Amino acid sequence: MASSLATLVDLSKPSLAASVAAIAFNPTAWNIVARNEYRNKTITRIFGGNTRYGCYFLALCIFSAGILRDSLYHRALLEQPTAKILPEPLDTLVPAVLFVLGQVFVVTSTWALGVTGTFLGDYFGILMDHRVEGFPFNVLRDPMYVGSTMSFAATALWYERPVGLCITAYVYIVYLIALRFEGPFTDMIYSKRASAQAAAKKEL
């Protein structure tokens, strides 16, 4: 069992550890930074009180870190052992379909939410007027995270690296943990706004 596992995973490669670390770092860091912004307005103050500039800056950081994470994942896969996972022609069809669908979910989520809706604008006080209920949110609750996970799986299948599927499962677990923190905190932000609006109406 151990010998067969060793033929599929090369733990000696630093690129594998770097990829795993980057995957965990991104959502963890952004949750910490965003909560600090909500409480202390650190980034907003750096940009002279302009919440939108602060959010755009964070969006650039998140996007750049995502590109680095994907690059590290790609490099890690190429340095890992290969093994046949799917028979032909599924070995190209399945990853291609998975990747396209995953990117559709990611891109359409970003389009529906906009820059501030996608990149934690609510922590800056930039709240959406109403909940987005169109595609892809009428299909999946968290289409961006699901789409990203699908893309990780597609890449592993395309390059026929079994370790990539293990990393994909790890990605999904990291996202689930992140959502346990993001979801309730975001709900609290909107609940506070609703309470404030209700109180304002009573005063009128």
N, C-alpha and C. Protein backbone atom coordinates (compact mmCIF):
# COMPACT_ATOMS: atom_id res chain seq x y z
N MET A 1 0.83 -1.20 0.00
CA MET A 1 0.00 0.00 0.00
C MET A 1 0.87 1.26 0.00
N ALA A 2 1.87 1.27 0.92
CA ALA A 2 2.75 2.43 1.02
C ALA A 2 3.60 2.58 -0.24
N SER A 3 4.04 1.43 -0.78
CA SER A 3 4.88 1.49 -1.98
C SER A 3 4.08 1.98 -3.18
N SER A 4 2.82 1.56 -3.29
CA SER A 4 1.99 2.01 -4.41
C SER A 4 1.67 3.49 -4.29
N LEU A 5 1.51 3.97 -3.04
CA LEU A 5 1.26 5.39 -2.82
C LEU A 5 2.47 6.21 -3.20
N ALA A 6 3.65 5.67 -2.92
CA ALA A 6 4.89 6.37 -3.24
C ALA A 6 5.08 6.55 -4.73
N THR A 7 4.49 5.67 -5.51
CA THR A 7 4.61 5.80 -6.97
C THR A 7 3.67 6.87 -7.52
N LEU A 8 2.70 7.30 -6.73
CA LEU A 8 1.73 8.30 -7.17
C LEU A 8 1.98 9.68 -6.58
N VAL A 9 2.67 9.73 -5.45
CA VAL A 9 2.92 11.01 -4.77
C VAL A 9 4.39 11.12 -4.41
N ASP A 10 5.00 12.21 -4.82
CA ASP A 10 6.39 12.47 -4.49
C ASP A 10 6.43 13.60 -3.46
N LEU A 11 6.52 13.21 -2.19
CA LEU A 11 6.49 14.17 -1.11
C LEU A 11 7.79 14.96 -0.97
N SER A 12 8.81 14.56 -1.69
CA SER A 12 10.10 15.24 -1.58
C SER A 12 10.14 16.55 -2.36
N LYS A 13 9.16 16.79 -3.21
CA LYS A 13 9.16 17.99 -4.04
C LYS A 13 8.65 19.20 -3.25
N PRO A 14 9.46 20.25 -3.11
CA PRO A 14 9.02 21.46 -2.40
C PRO A 14 7.81 22.12 -3.06
N SER A 15 7.65 21.92 -4.36
CA SER A 15 6.53 22.55 -5.07
C SER A 15 5.19 22.06 -4.55
N LEU A 16 5.15 20.81 -4.09
CA LEU A 16 3.90 20.26 -3.56
C LEU A 16 3.52 20.96 -2.25
N ALA A 17 4.49 21.13 -1.38
CA ALA A 17 4.23 21.82 -0.11
C ALA A 17 3.86 23.28 -0.36
N ALA A 18 4.52 23.91 -1.33
CA ALA A 18 4.22 25.31 -1.64
C ALA A 18 2.79 25.46 -2.15
N SER A 19 2.36 24.51 -2.98
CA SER A 19 1.00 24.56 -3.52
C SER A 19 -0.03 24.38 -2.41
N VAL A 20 0.18 23.41 -1.56
CA VAL A 20 -0.75 23.15 -0.45
C VAL A 20 -0.83 24.36 0.48
N ALA A 21 0.33 24.98 0.75
CA ALA A 21 0.36 26.14 1.63
C ALA A 21 -0.38 27.32 1.02
N ALA A 22 -0.19 27.55 -0.29
CA ALA A 22 -0.84 28.67 -0.96
C ALA A 22 -2.35 28.50 -0.97
N ILE A 23 -2.81 27.27 -1.15
CA ILE A 23 -4.25 27.00 -1.18
C ILE A 23 -4.90 27.35 0.16
N ALA A 24 -4.22 27.02 1.24
CA ALA A 24 -4.75 27.33 2.57
C ALA A 24 -4.59 28.80 2.91
N PHE A 25 -3.48 29.39 2.45
CA PHE A 25 -3.18 30.78 2.80
C PHE A 25 -4.23 31.74 2.28
N ASN A 26 -4.62 31.59 1.02
CA ASN A 26 -5.47 32.60 0.39
C ASN A 26 -6.78 32.87 1.14
N PRO A 27 -7.67 31.89 1.30
CA PRO A 27 -8.93 32.21 1.99
C PRO A 27 -8.73 32.59 3.45
N THR A 28 -7.70 32.02 4.08
CA THR A 28 -7.43 32.36 5.48
C THR A 28 -7.02 33.83 5.60
N ALA A 29 -6.08 34.23 4.76
CA ALA A 29 -5.59 35.61 4.80
C ALA A 29 -6.69 36.61 4.49
N TRP A 30 -7.50 36.31 3.47
CA TRP A 30 -8.53 37.27 3.08
C TRP A 30 -9.62 37.40 4.13
N ASN A 31 -9.91 36.30 4.82
CA ASN A 31 -10.89 36.39 5.90
C ASN A 31 -10.37 37.26 7.04
N ILE A 32 -9.09 37.10 7.37
CA ILE A 32 -8.49 37.89 8.45
C ILE A 32 -8.43 39.36 8.06
N VAL A 33 -7.96 39.62 6.83
CA VAL A 33 -7.83 41.00 6.36
C VAL A 33 -9.20 41.68 6.28
N ALA A 34 -10.19 40.96 5.75
CA ALA A 34 -11.52 41.54 5.58
C ALA A 34 -12.18 41.83 6.93
N ARG A 35 -12.02 40.94 7.89
CA ARG A 35 -12.62 41.19 9.20
C ARG A 35 -11.94 42.37 9.89
N ASN A 36 -10.64 42.47 9.70
CA ASN A 36 -9.93 43.62 10.26
C ASN A 36 -10.43 44.91 9.60
N GLU A 37 -10.69 44.84 8.29
CA GLU A 37 -11.18 46.02 7.58
C GLU A 37 -12.55 46.42 8.09
N TYR A 38 -13.39 45.45 8.34
CA TYR A 38 -14.74 45.74 8.84
C TYR A 38 -14.68 46.44 10.20
N ARG A 39 -13.76 45.98 11.04
CA ARG A 39 -13.69 46.52 12.40
C ARG A 39 -12.84 47.79 12.50
N ASN A 40 -11.73 47.84 11.75
CA ASN A 40 -10.76 48.93 11.94
C ASN A 40 -10.57 49.84 10.73
N LYS A 41 -11.11 49.44 9.57
CA LYS A 41 -11.01 50.26 8.36
C LYS A 41 -9.55 50.59 7.99
N THR A 42 -8.67 49.62 8.17
CA THR A 42 -7.25 49.84 7.92
C THR A 42 -6.96 50.21 6.47
N ILE A 43 -7.48 49.42 5.53
CA ILE A 43 -7.21 49.68 4.12
C ILE A 43 -7.90 50.96 3.68
N THR A 44 -9.12 51.17 4.15
CA THR A 44 -9.85 52.39 3.79
C THR A 44 -9.08 53.63 4.22
N ARG A 45 -8.48 53.59 5.40
CA ARG A 45 -7.71 54.75 5.86
C ARG A 45 -6.48 54.99 5.00
N ILE A 46 -5.87 53.90 4.53
CA ILE A 46 -4.70 54.03 3.65
C ILE A 46 -5.07 54.79 2.38
N PHE A 47 -6.30 54.57 1.92
CA PHE A 47 -6.77 55.22 0.69
C PHE A 47 -7.61 56.47 0.98
N GLY A 48 -7.30 57.10 2.08
CA GLY A 48 -7.91 58.38 2.39
C GLY A 48 -9.39 58.34 2.65
N GLY A 49 -9.89 57.20 3.13
CA GLY A 49 -11.30 57.08 3.45
C GLY A 49 -12.16 56.63 2.29
N ASN A 50 -11.55 56.35 1.14
CA ASN A 50 -12.30 55.91 -0.04
C ASN A 50 -12.47 54.39 0.01
N THR A 51 -13.68 53.95 0.34
CA THR A 51 -13.92 52.51 0.51
C THR A 51 -13.78 51.74 -0.80
N ARG A 52 -14.17 52.37 -1.90
CA ARG A 52 -14.09 51.68 -3.19
C ARG A 52 -12.65 51.45 -3.62
N TYR A 53 -11.81 52.46 -3.44
CA TYR A 53 -10.40 52.28 -3.77
C TYR A 53 -9.79 51.18 -2.90
N GLY A 54 -10.18 51.16 -1.63
CA GLY A 54 -9.68 50.12 -0.74
C GLY A 54 -10.11 48.74 -1.18
N CYS A 55 -11.38 48.63 -1.59
CA CYS A 55 -11.90 47.34 -2.06
C CYS A 55 -11.22 46.91 -3.35
N TYR A 56 -11.00 47.86 -4.26
CA TYR A 56 -10.33 47.54 -5.52
C TYR A 56 -8.89 47.07 -5.26
N PHE A 57 -8.24 47.69 -4.29
CA PHE A 57 -6.89 47.28 -3.94
C PHE A 57 -6.89 45.84 -3.41
N LEU A 58 -7.84 45.53 -2.52
CA LEU A 58 -7.94 44.17 -1.99
C LEU A 58 -8.27 43.19 -3.11
N ALA A 59 -9.14 43.61 -4.03
CA ALA A 59 -9.50 42.75 -5.16
C ALA A 59 -8.26 42.42 -5.99
N LEU A 60 -7.40 43.41 -6.21
CA LEU A 60 -6.17 43.18 -6.97
C LEU A 60 -5.26 42.21 -6.24
N CYS A 61 -5.17 42.36 -4.93
CA CYS A 61 -4.35 41.44 -4.13
C CYS A 61 -4.88 40.01 -4.19
N ILE A 62 -6.21 39.87 -4.05
CA ILE A 62 -6.82 38.54 -4.08
C ILE A 62 -6.64 37.90 -5.45
N PHE A 63 -6.87 38.69 -6.51
CA PHE A 63 -6.74 38.17 -7.86
C PHE A 63 -5.30 37.74 -8.14
N SER A 64 -4.34 38.55 -7.73
CA SER A 64 -2.93 38.25 -7.96
C SER A 64 -2.51 37.00 -7.18
N ALA A 65 -2.98 36.90 -5.93
CA ALA A 65 -2.65 35.72 -5.12
C ALA A 65 -3.28 34.46 -5.72
N GLY A 66 -4.45 34.62 -6.34
CA GLY A 66 -5.10 33.48 -6.99
C GLY A 66 -4.29 32.99 -8.19
N ILE A 67 -3.74 33.92 -8.95
CA ILE A 67 -2.90 33.54 -10.09
C ILE A 67 -1.65 32.82 -9.60
N LEU A 68 -1.04 33.34 -8.53
CA LEU A 68 0.15 32.69 -7.96
C LEU A 68 -0.20 31.29 -7.46
N ARG A 69 -1.32 31.15 -6.78
CA ARG A 69 -1.76 29.84 -6.29
C ARG A 69 -1.92 28.85 -7.43
N ASP A 70 -2.56 29.28 -8.50
CA ASP A 70 -2.78 28.40 -9.65
C ASP A 70 -1.46 28.03 -10.32
N SER A 71 -0.54 28.99 -10.37
CA SER A 71 0.78 28.72 -10.95
C SER A 71 1.55 27.70 -10.12
N LEU A 72 1.47 27.83 -8.81
CA LEU A 72 2.16 26.88 -7.93
C LEU A 72 1.54 25.49 -8.05
N TYR A 73 0.22 25.44 -8.19
CA TYR A 73 -0.47 24.15 -8.36
C TYR A 73 -0.03 23.49 -9.67
N HIS A 74 0.02 24.26 -10.73
CA HIS A 74 0.42 23.75 -12.03
C HIS A 74 1.85 23.20 -11.97
N ARG A 75 2.72 23.97 -11.34
CA ARG A 75 4.12 23.54 -11.22
C ARG A 75 4.22 22.27 -10.39
N ALA A 76 3.46 22.21 -9.30
CA ALA A 76 3.50 21.03 -8.43
C ALA A 76 3.05 19.79 -9.18
N LEU A 77 1.99 19.92 -9.98
CA LEU A 77 1.48 18.77 -10.74
C LEU A 77 2.53 18.25 -11.71
N LEU A 78 3.21 19.15 -12.41
CA LEU A 78 4.18 18.74 -13.42
C LEU A 78 5.38 18.01 -12.81
N GLU A 79 5.60 18.20 -11.50
CA GLU A 79 6.72 17.53 -10.85
C GLU A 79 6.30 16.26 -10.11
N GLN A 80 5.04 15.88 -10.29
CA GLN A 80 4.52 14.68 -9.64
C GLN A 80 4.39 13.52 -10.63
N PRO A 81 4.37 12.28 -10.12
CA PRO A 81 4.25 11.11 -11.01
C PRO A 81 2.93 11.10 -11.78
N THR A 82 2.96 10.51 -12.95
CA THR A 82 1.75 10.38 -13.76
C THR A 82 1.19 8.97 -13.64
N ALA A 83 -0.11 8.86 -13.88
CA ALA A 83 -0.77 7.56 -13.90
C ALA A 83 -2.06 7.70 -14.69
N LYS A 84 -2.42 6.67 -15.41
CA LYS A 84 -3.65 6.70 -16.19
C LYS A 84 -4.84 6.73 -15.24
N ILE A 85 -5.69 7.75 -15.40
CA ILE A 85 -6.84 7.89 -14.51
C ILE A 85 -8.13 7.53 -15.24
N LEU A 86 -8.29 8.04 -16.46
CA LEU A 86 -9.49 7.78 -17.26
C LEU A 86 -9.10 7.17 -18.60
N PRO A 87 -9.95 6.30 -19.14
CA PRO A 87 -9.66 5.73 -20.45
C PRO A 87 -9.93 6.75 -21.57
N GLU A 88 -9.33 6.53 -22.72
CA GLU A 88 -9.60 7.38 -23.88
C GLU A 88 -11.03 7.12 -24.37
N PRO A 89 -11.75 8.10 -24.89
CA PRO A 89 -11.39 9.51 -25.01
C PRO A 89 -11.78 10.35 -23.79
N LEU A 90 -12.22 9.67 -22.70
CA LEU A 90 -12.67 10.40 -21.51
C LEU A 90 -11.53 11.16 -20.85
N ASP A 91 -10.29 10.72 -21.10
CA ASP A 91 -9.15 11.37 -20.46
C ASP A 91 -8.96 12.81 -20.91
N THR A 92 -9.55 13.16 -22.03
CA THR A 92 -9.50 14.56 -22.48
C THR A 92 -10.88 15.22 -22.40
N LEU A 93 -11.93 14.45 -22.67
CA LEU A 93 -13.28 15.02 -22.67
C LEU A 93 -13.72 15.46 -21.27
N VAL A 94 -13.53 14.58 -20.29
CA VAL A 94 -13.99 14.90 -18.93
C VAL A 94 -13.29 16.13 -18.36
N PRO A 95 -11.94 16.19 -18.40
CA PRO A 95 -11.31 17.41 -17.85
C PRO A 95 -11.66 18.67 -18.63
N ALA A 96 -11.85 18.55 -19.94
CA ALA A 96 -12.20 19.72 -20.74
C ALA A 96 -13.57 20.26 -20.34
N VAL A 97 -14.54 19.35 -20.19
CA VAL A 97 -15.89 19.76 -19.80
C VAL A 97 -15.89 20.32 -18.38
N LEU A 98 -15.17 19.66 -17.48
CA LEU A 98 -15.08 20.12 -16.11
C LEU A 98 -14.50 21.53 -16.03
N PHE A 99 -13.43 21.74 -16.79
CA PHE A 99 -12.76 23.04 -16.75
C PHE A 99 -13.66 24.14 -17.31
N VAL A 100 -14.31 23.87 -18.43
CA VAL A 100 -15.19 24.87 -19.03
C VAL A 100 -16.34 25.21 -18.09
N LEU A 101 -16.98 24.18 -17.54
CA LEU A 101 -18.08 24.42 -16.61
C LEU A 101 -17.61 25.19 -15.38
N GLY A 102 -16.46 24.81 -14.86
CA GLY A 102 -15.92 25.48 -13.69
C GLY A 102 -15.68 26.96 -13.95
N GLN A 103 -15.09 27.25 -15.11
CA GLN A 103 -14.82 28.65 -15.46
C GLN A 103 -16.11 29.43 -15.71
N VAL A 104 -17.10 28.76 -16.27
CA VAL A 104 -18.40 29.41 -16.47
C VAL A 104 -18.98 29.84 -15.13
N PHE A 105 -18.91 28.95 -14.13
CA PHE A 105 -19.42 29.29 -12.80
C PHE A 105 -18.64 30.45 -12.18
N VAL A 106 -17.32 30.42 -12.33
CA VAL A 106 -16.49 31.48 -11.74
C VAL A 106 -16.75 32.82 -12.42
N VAL A 107 -16.74 32.82 -13.75
CA VAL A 107 -16.88 34.08 -14.50
C VAL A 107 -18.27 34.66 -14.34
N THR A 108 -19.29 33.83 -14.43
CA THR A 108 -20.66 34.35 -14.32
C THR A 108 -20.97 34.81 -12.89
N SER A 109 -20.34 34.17 -11.90
CA SER A 109 -20.50 34.63 -10.52
C SER A 109 -19.93 36.03 -10.37
N THR A 110 -18.73 36.22 -10.91
CA THR A 110 -18.07 37.53 -10.82
C THR A 110 -18.89 38.58 -11.55
N TRP A 111 -19.42 38.22 -12.71
CA TRP A 111 -20.23 39.16 -13.49
C TRP A 111 -21.49 39.56 -12.72
N ALA A 112 -22.13 38.57 -12.10
CA ALA A 112 -23.38 38.83 -11.38
C ALA A 112 -23.15 39.67 -10.13
N LEU A 113 -22.04 39.44 -9.45
CA LEU A 113 -21.77 40.14 -8.20
C LEU A 113 -21.05 41.47 -8.40
N GLY A 114 -20.33 41.59 -9.50
CA GLY A 114 -19.52 42.78 -9.70
C GLY A 114 -18.23 42.70 -8.89
N VAL A 115 -17.35 43.66 -9.08
CA VAL A 115 -16.06 43.63 -8.39
C VAL A 115 -16.23 43.71 -6.88
N THR A 116 -17.02 44.66 -6.41
CA THR A 116 -17.17 44.83 -4.96
C THR A 116 -17.95 43.68 -4.32
N GLY A 117 -18.89 43.12 -5.05
CA GLY A 117 -19.65 41.99 -4.53
C GLY A 117 -18.82 40.73 -4.47
N THR A 118 -17.89 40.59 -5.41
CA THR A 118 -17.04 39.40 -5.46
C THR A 118 -15.92 39.47 -4.44
N PHE A 119 -15.30 40.64 -4.34
CA PHE A 119 -14.08 40.77 -3.55
C PHE A 119 -14.32 41.49 -2.21
N LEU A 120 -15.30 40.97 -1.46
CA LEU A 120 -15.49 41.35 -0.05
C LEU A 120 -15.83 42.81 0.17
N GLY A 121 -16.53 43.40 -0.79
CA GLY A 121 -16.92 44.81 -0.63
C GLY A 121 -17.80 45.05 0.57
N ASP A 122 -18.59 44.05 0.98
CA ASP A 122 -19.48 44.25 2.12
C ASP A 122 -18.70 44.49 3.41
N TYR A 123 -17.46 44.01 3.48
CA TYR A 123 -16.64 44.26 4.66
C TYR A 123 -16.16 45.71 4.69
N PHE A 124 -16.22 46.36 3.53
CA PHE A 124 -15.87 47.78 3.43
C PHE A 124 -17.09 48.68 3.61
N GLY A 125 -18.25 48.05 3.79
CA GLY A 125 -19.48 48.82 3.90
C GLY A 125 -20.17 49.04 2.57
N ILE A 126 -19.66 48.39 1.51
CA ILE A 126 -20.28 48.51 0.18
C ILE A 126 -21.23 47.32 0.03
N LEU A 127 -22.48 47.53 0.42
CA LEU A 127 -23.44 46.43 0.45
C LEU A 127 -24.30 46.41 -0.80
N MET A 128 -24.70 45.21 -1.20
CA MET A 128 -25.58 45.06 -2.35
C MET A 128 -27.01 45.37 -1.94
N ASP A 129 -27.79 45.87 -2.88
CA ASP A 129 -29.18 46.25 -2.58
C ASP A 129 -30.07 45.04 -2.33
N HIS A 130 -29.76 43.95 -3.02
CA HIS A 130 -30.58 42.74 -2.86
C HIS A 130 -29.73 41.52 -3.18
N ARG A 131 -30.19 40.39 -2.76
CA ARG A 131 -29.48 39.12 -2.97
C ARG A 131 -29.53 38.74 -4.45
N VAL A 132 -28.40 38.31 -4.98
CA VAL A 132 -28.35 37.86 -6.37
C VAL A 132 -28.94 36.47 -6.46
N GLU A 133 -29.97 36.32 -7.29
CA GLU A 133 -30.67 35.04 -7.38
C GLU A 133 -30.65 34.44 -8.78
N GLY A 134 -30.06 35.16 -9.75
CA GLY A 134 -29.98 34.63 -11.11
C GLY A 134 -28.84 33.64 -11.25
N PHE A 135 -28.61 33.19 -12.49
CA PHE A 135 -27.53 32.24 -12.75
C PHE A 135 -26.19 32.87 -12.42
N PRO A 136 -25.28 32.12 -11.81
CA PRO A 136 -25.35 30.71 -11.44
C PRO A 136 -25.85 30.45 -10.02
N PHE A 137 -26.30 31.50 -9.34
CA PHE A 137 -26.72 31.34 -7.95
C PHE A 137 -28.05 30.62 -7.82
N ASN A 138 -28.78 30.50 -8.93
CA ASN A 138 -30.01 29.71 -8.89
C ASN A 138 -29.73 28.23 -9.13
N VAL A 139 -28.47 27.91 -9.40
CA VAL A 139 -28.06 26.51 -9.61
C VAL A 139 -27.23 26.00 -8.44
N LEU A 140 -26.32 26.86 -7.96
CA LEU A 140 -25.43 26.50 -6.87
C LEU A 140 -25.43 27.60 -5.81
N ARG A 141 -25.26 27.22 -4.56
CA ARG A 141 -25.21 28.22 -3.48
C ARG A 141 -23.89 29.00 -3.52
N ASP A 142 -22.79 28.28 -3.79
CA ASP A 142 -21.47 28.91 -3.82
C ASP A 142 -20.77 28.56 -5.14
N PRO A 143 -21.28 29.10 -6.25
CA PRO A 143 -20.77 28.71 -7.56
C PRO A 143 -19.30 29.05 -7.80
N MET A 144 -18.80 30.10 -7.17
CA MET A 144 -17.41 30.47 -7.39
C MET A 144 -16.47 29.43 -6.79
N TYR A 145 -16.76 28.99 -5.58
CA TYR A 145 -15.93 27.98 -4.93
C TYR A 145 -16.07 26.63 -5.63
N VAL A 146 -17.28 26.29 -6.03
CA VAL A 146 -17.50 25.03 -6.75
C VAL A 146 -16.78 25.05 -8.09
N GLY A 147 -16.89 26.17 -8.80
CA GLY A 147 -16.23 26.30 -10.09
C GLY A 147 -14.73 26.21 -9.97
N SER A 148 -14.17 26.83 -8.95
CA SER A 148 -12.73 26.76 -8.73
C SER A 148 -12.29 25.33 -8.43
N THR A 149 -13.06 24.63 -7.62
CA THR A 149 -12.74 23.23 -7.29
C THR A 149 -12.79 22.36 -8.55
N MET A 150 -13.78 22.60 -9.39
CA MET A 150 -13.89 21.84 -10.64
C MET A 150 -12.67 22.07 -11.53
N SER A 151 -12.17 23.29 -11.54
CA SER A 151 -10.99 23.61 -12.35
C SER A 151 -9.75 22.90 -11.83
N PHE A 152 -9.62 22.80 -10.51
CA PHE A 152 -8.51 22.05 -9.92
C PHE A 152 -8.57 20.58 -10.35
N ALA A 153 -9.77 20.00 -10.27
CA ALA A 153 -9.94 18.60 -10.65
C ALA A 153 -9.65 18.40 -12.14
N ALA A 154 -10.13 19.32 -12.96
CA ALA A 154 -9.93 19.22 -14.40
C ALA A 154 -8.45 19.23 -14.75
N THR A 155 -7.69 20.09 -14.09
CA THR A 155 -6.25 20.18 -14.36
C THR A 155 -5.55 18.89 -13.97
N ALA A 156 -5.94 18.32 -12.83
CA ALA A 156 -5.34 17.05 -12.39
C ALA A 156 -5.62 15.94 -13.38
N LEU A 157 -6.86 15.88 -13.88
CA LEU A 157 -7.24 14.84 -14.84
C LEU A 157 -6.55 15.05 -16.19
N TRP A 158 -6.43 16.31 -16.60
CA TRP A 158 -5.81 16.61 -17.90
C TRP A 158 -4.35 16.17 -17.93
N TYR A 159 -3.63 16.45 -16.84
CA TYR A 159 -2.22 16.09 -16.78
C TYR A 159 -1.99 14.69 -16.22
N GLU A 160 -3.08 14.01 -15.84
CA GLU A 160 -3.03 12.64 -15.33
C GLU A 160 -2.11 12.53 -14.12
N ARG A 161 -2.34 13.43 -13.16
CA ARG A 161 -1.59 13.41 -11.90
C ARG A 161 -2.56 13.08 -10.77
N PRO A 162 -2.52 11.84 -10.27
CA PRO A 162 -3.44 11.45 -9.19
C PRO A 162 -3.34 12.34 -7.96
N VAL A 163 -2.14 12.84 -7.65
CA VAL A 163 -2.00 13.70 -6.48
C VAL A 163 -2.85 14.96 -6.63
N GLY A 164 -3.12 15.36 -7.87
CA GLY A 164 -3.95 16.54 -8.11
C GLY A 164 -5.37 16.34 -7.61
N LEU A 165 -5.85 15.11 -7.67
CA LEU A 165 -7.20 14.83 -7.17
C LEU A 165 -7.23 14.91 -5.64
N CYS A 166 -6.11 14.51 -5.01
CA CYS A 166 -6.02 14.65 -3.54
C CYS A 166 -6.00 16.13 -3.16
N ILE A 167 -5.26 16.93 -3.95
CA ILE A 167 -5.21 18.37 -3.69
C ILE A 167 -6.58 18.99 -3.92
N THR A 168 -7.29 18.51 -4.93
CA THR A 168 -8.64 19.02 -5.20
C THR A 168 -9.56 18.79 -4.01
N ALA A 169 -9.49 17.59 -3.42
CA ALA A 169 -10.30 17.30 -2.23
C ALA A 169 -9.90 18.24 -1.09
N TYR A 170 -8.62 18.49 -0.98
CA TYR A 170 -8.12 19.43 0.04
C TYR A 170 -8.64 20.84 -0.20
N VAL A 171 -8.64 21.26 -1.47
CA VAL A 171 -9.18 22.57 -1.84
C VAL A 171 -10.64 22.69 -1.39
N TYR A 172 -11.42 21.67 -1.66
CA TYR A 172 -12.84 21.68 -1.31
C TYR A 172 -13.03 21.80 0.20
N ILE A 173 -12.21 21.08 0.96
CA ILE A 173 -12.29 21.14 2.42
C ILE A 173 -11.93 22.54 2.92
N VAL A 174 -10.87 23.12 2.34
CA VAL A 174 -10.46 24.48 2.72
C VAL A 174 -11.58 25.46 2.44
N TYR A 175 -12.24 25.32 1.28
CA TYR A 175 -13.34 26.21 0.94
C TYR A 175 -14.51 26.05 1.90
N LEU A 176 -14.81 24.81 2.27
CA LEU A 176 -15.91 24.57 3.21
C LEU A 176 -15.63 25.24 4.56
N ILE A 177 -14.39 25.14 5.01
CA ILE A 177 -14.01 25.77 6.27
C ILE A 177 -14.13 27.29 6.15
N ALA A 178 -13.65 27.83 5.04
CA ALA A 178 -13.73 29.28 4.82
C ALA A 178 -15.17 29.76 4.83
N LEU A 179 -16.05 28.98 4.22
CA LEU A 179 -17.47 29.36 4.16
C LEU A 179 -18.12 29.37 5.53
N ARG A 180 -17.63 28.54 6.43
CA ARG A 180 -18.19 28.50 7.79
C ARG A 180 -17.90 29.81 8.53
N PHE A 181 -16.84 30.49 8.11
CA PHE A 181 -16.50 31.78 8.70
C PHE A 181 -17.12 32.93 7.91
N GLU A 182 -17.04 32.83 6.58
CA GLU A 182 -17.53 33.92 5.73
C GLU A 182 -19.04 34.09 5.82
N GLY A 183 -19.75 32.99 5.69
CA GLY A 183 -21.21 33.03 5.62
C GLY A 183 -21.86 33.74 6.80
N PRO A 184 -21.63 33.27 8.03
CA PRO A 184 -22.26 33.91 9.19
C PRO A 184 -21.85 35.37 9.36
N PHE A 185 -20.58 35.69 9.06
CA PHE A 185 -20.12 37.07 9.24
C PHE A 185 -20.80 37.99 8.24
N THR A 186 -20.91 37.54 7.00
CA THR A 186 -21.60 38.33 5.98
C THR A 186 -23.07 38.50 6.32
N ASP A 187 -23.70 37.43 6.80
CA ASP A 187 -25.10 37.52 7.22
C ASP A 187 -25.27 38.54 8.34
N MET A 188 -24.30 38.59 9.26
CA MET A 188 -24.35 39.55 10.36
C MET A 188 -24.28 40.99 9.83
N ILE A 189 -23.45 41.22 8.83
CA ILE A 189 -23.30 42.56 8.26
C ILE A 189 -24.63 43.03 7.67
N TYR A 190 -25.28 42.15 6.90
CA TYR A 190 -26.54 42.53 6.27
C TYR A 190 -27.68 42.60 7.28
N SER A 191 -27.59 41.78 8.31
CA SER A 191 -28.61 41.83 9.36
C SER A 191 -28.54 43.16 10.11
N LYS A 192 -27.34 43.65 10.35
CA LYS A 192 -27.16 44.94 11.01
C LYS A 192 -27.74 46.06 10.15
N ARG A 193 -27.52 45.98 8.84
CA ARG A 193 -28.07 47.02 7.96
C ARG A 193 -29.59 46.99 7.99
N ALA A 194 -30.15 45.79 7.94
CA ALA A 194 -31.61 45.66 7.97
C ALA A 194 -32.18 46.24 9.27
N SER A 195 -31.50 45.98 10.38
CA SER A 195 -31.96 46.51 11.67
C SER A 195 -31.88 48.02 11.70
N ALA A 196 -30.79 48.56 11.14
CA ALA A 196 -30.62 50.01 11.10
C ALA A 196 -31.68 50.66 10.23
N GLN A 197 -32.00 50.03 9.09
CA GLN A 197 -33.03 50.57 8.21
C GLN A 197 -34.40 50.52 8.87
N ALA A 198 -34.67 49.44 9.59
CA ALA A 198 -35.96 49.31 10.28
C ALA A 198 -36.09 50.36 11.38
N ALA A 199 -34.98 50.60 12.08
CA ALA A 199 -35.00 51.61 13.14
C ALA A 199 -35.21 53.01 12.56
N ALA A 200 -34.59 53.26 11.41
CA ALA A 200 -34.74 54.56 10.77
C ALA A 200 -36.18 54.79 10.32
N LYS A 201 -36.83 53.76 9.85
CA LYS A 201 -38.23 53.87 9.41
C LYS A 201 -39.15 54.16 10.59
N LYS A 202 -38.84 53.57 11.74
CA LYS A 202 -39.66 53.79 12.93
C LYS A 202 -39.57 55.25 13.39
N GLU A 203 -38.38 55.82 13.26
CA GLU A 203 -38.18 57.21 13.67
C GLU A 203 -38.97 58.17 12.78
N LEU A 204 -39.17 57.74 11.52
CA LEU A 204 -39.95 58.58 10.59
C LEU A 204 -41.44 58.48 10.93
